[in-house]
Amino acid sequence: MPKAKLMTREVPGIKAILPFMVHFSHGGVVGEIYRVTSQQLENIDTLEGHPSEYHRSRGKIPREWQNPIIPWAYWWPWGTVGMELVKGGDWKKRGKV
C-alpha cells in the first residue's frame, strides 16, 4: 500500500508486538487483499476497534495491477512515538535478511 509505513510496538497488557499501518508522504506496505461481505467487514471493524482505535479508509493500489481496486485499510491514527519501522513494509519478512 503506497503512502504508508508499517510500524511496530509492544502492546502493554498482552505482551505482544503488533504491526500498525500509519500514513506517510512516501513508502509502502506489503499486504493481502480479501473480498468480504458487509457483515464480514462489520466483524473486522469490531476486531480492529474501528472507529475508536483504528480508523478505516480507502487505500490505493499501485498502477501495475491489471484490475485496479481501492480496498479498505485500517490505519493507526495516534502517532508513532515508541514505534519501530518495519523495513520494507513486510510484516512477514521482518528481521530476515
Protein backbone atom coordinates (compact mmCIF):
# COMPACT_ATOMS: atom_id res chain seq x y z
CA MET A 1 0.00 0.00 0.00
CA PRO A 2 1.77 3.20 -1.13
CA LYS A 3 1.99 6.35 1.01
CA ALA A 4 2.04 4.29 4.18
CA LYS A 5 4.61 2.80 6.53
CA LEU A 6 4.36 -0.26 8.71
CA MET A 7 5.42 0.37 12.28
CA THR A 8 5.55 -1.96 15.27
CA ARG A 9 5.45 -1.61 19.03
CA GLU A 10 4.95 -3.74 22.10
CA VAL A 11 1.38 -3.57 23.33
CA PRO A 12 1.08 -3.34 27.12
CA GLY A 13 -1.19 -5.89 28.71
CA ILE A 14 -0.94 -8.55 26.02
CA LYS A 15 2.85 -8.94 25.82
CA ALA A 16 2.88 -8.98 22.03
CA ILE A 17 4.49 -6.96 19.29
CA LEU A 18 1.89 -5.93 16.71
CA PRO A 19 2.08 -4.12 13.37
CA PHE A 20 0.44 -0.73 12.83
CA MET A 21 -0.08 0.90 9.43
CA VAL A 22 0.40 4.68 9.53
CA HIS A 23 0.07 7.43 6.89
CA PHE A 24 3.34 8.81 5.48
CA SER A 25 4.08 11.00 2.48
CA HIS A 26 6.06 8.15 0.90
CA GLY A 27 6.77 4.47 1.38
CA GLY A 28 4.71 1.33 1.04
CA VAL A 29 3.26 -1.65 2.85
CA VAL A 30 3.11 -5.24 1.62
CA GLY A 31 -0.17 -6.99 2.36
CA GLU A 32 -3.03 -9.13 1.18
CA ILE A 33 -6.44 -8.15 -0.20
CA TYR A 34 -9.60 -10.10 0.55
CA ARG A 35 -13.14 -9.80 -0.79
CA VAL A 36 -15.53 -9.67 2.19
CA THR A 37 -19.25 -9.23 2.69
CA SER A 38 -20.66 -6.23 4.52
CA GLN A 39 -21.27 -8.45 7.57
CA GLN A 40 -17.65 -9.65 7.50
CA LEU A 41 -16.48 -6.03 7.24
CA GLU A 42 -18.55 -5.17 10.33
CA ASN A 43 -16.91 -8.10 12.16
CA ILE A 44 -13.44 -6.91 11.14
CA ASP A 45 -14.34 -3.38 12.28
CA THR A 46 -15.14 -4.82 15.71
CA LEU A 47 -11.87 -6.79 15.79
CA GLU A 48 -9.83 -3.72 14.78
CA GLY A 49 -11.62 -1.39 17.19
CA HIS A 50 -12.93 0.84 14.39
CA PRO A 51 -13.52 3.75 14.78
CA SER A 52 -12.25 4.29 18.32
CA GLU A 53 -8.84 2.59 17.96
CA TYR A 54 -8.02 2.09 14.29
CA HIS A 55 -9.57 4.17 11.53
CA ARG A 56 -10.77 2.54 8.32
CA SER A 57 -10.42 4.33 4.99
CA ARG A 58 -9.76 3.52 1.36
CA GLY A 59 -6.18 2.79 0.30
CA LYS A 60 -4.68 2.96 -3.18
CA ILE A 61 -3.13 0.03 -5.02
CA PRO A 62 -0.12 0.58 -7.34
CA ARG A 63 -0.86 1.07 -11.03
CA GLU A 64 0.88 -2.13 -12.13
CA TRP A 65 -2.18 -4.13 -11.07
CA GLN A 66 -4.22 -5.36 -14.03
CA ASN A 67 -7.60 -4.63 -12.46
CA PRO A 68 -7.01 -1.74 -10.07
CA ILE A 69 -9.16 -1.61 -6.95
CA ILE A 70 -9.25 0.69 -3.95
CA PRO A 71 -9.57 -1.54 -0.86
CA TRP A 72 -10.37 -0.62 2.72
CA ALA A 73 -7.39 -0.40 5.06
CA TYR A 74 -7.07 0.11 8.82
CA TRP A 75 -4.81 2.95 9.93
CA TRP A 76 -3.27 3.75 13.31
CA PRO A 77 -4.05 7.47 13.78
CA TRP A 78 -2.35 8.05 17.15
CA GLY A 79 1.25 8.82 16.12
CA THR A 80 4.46 6.81 16.00
CA VAL A 81 6.16 7.61 19.32
CA GLY A 82 7.72 4.43 20.73
CA MET A 83 7.29 2.52 17.47
CA GLU A 84 9.87 0.97 15.18
CA LEU A 85 9.76 0.98 11.39
CA VAL A 86 9.27 -2.40 9.70
CA LYS A 87 11.86 -2.10 6.93
CA GLY A 88 10.45 -2.90 3.51
CA GLY A 89 6.89 -2.70 4.89
CA ASP A 90 6.51 -6.50 5.01
CA TRP A 91 5.50 -7.87 8.44
CA LYS A 92 6.12 -11.50 7.36
CA LYS A 93 9.74 -10.74 6.36
CA ARG A 94 10.65 -8.52 9.34
CA GLY A 95 14.06 -9.26 10.78
CA LYS A 96 15.04 -11.52 7.86
CA VAL A 97 17.99 -10.73 5.61
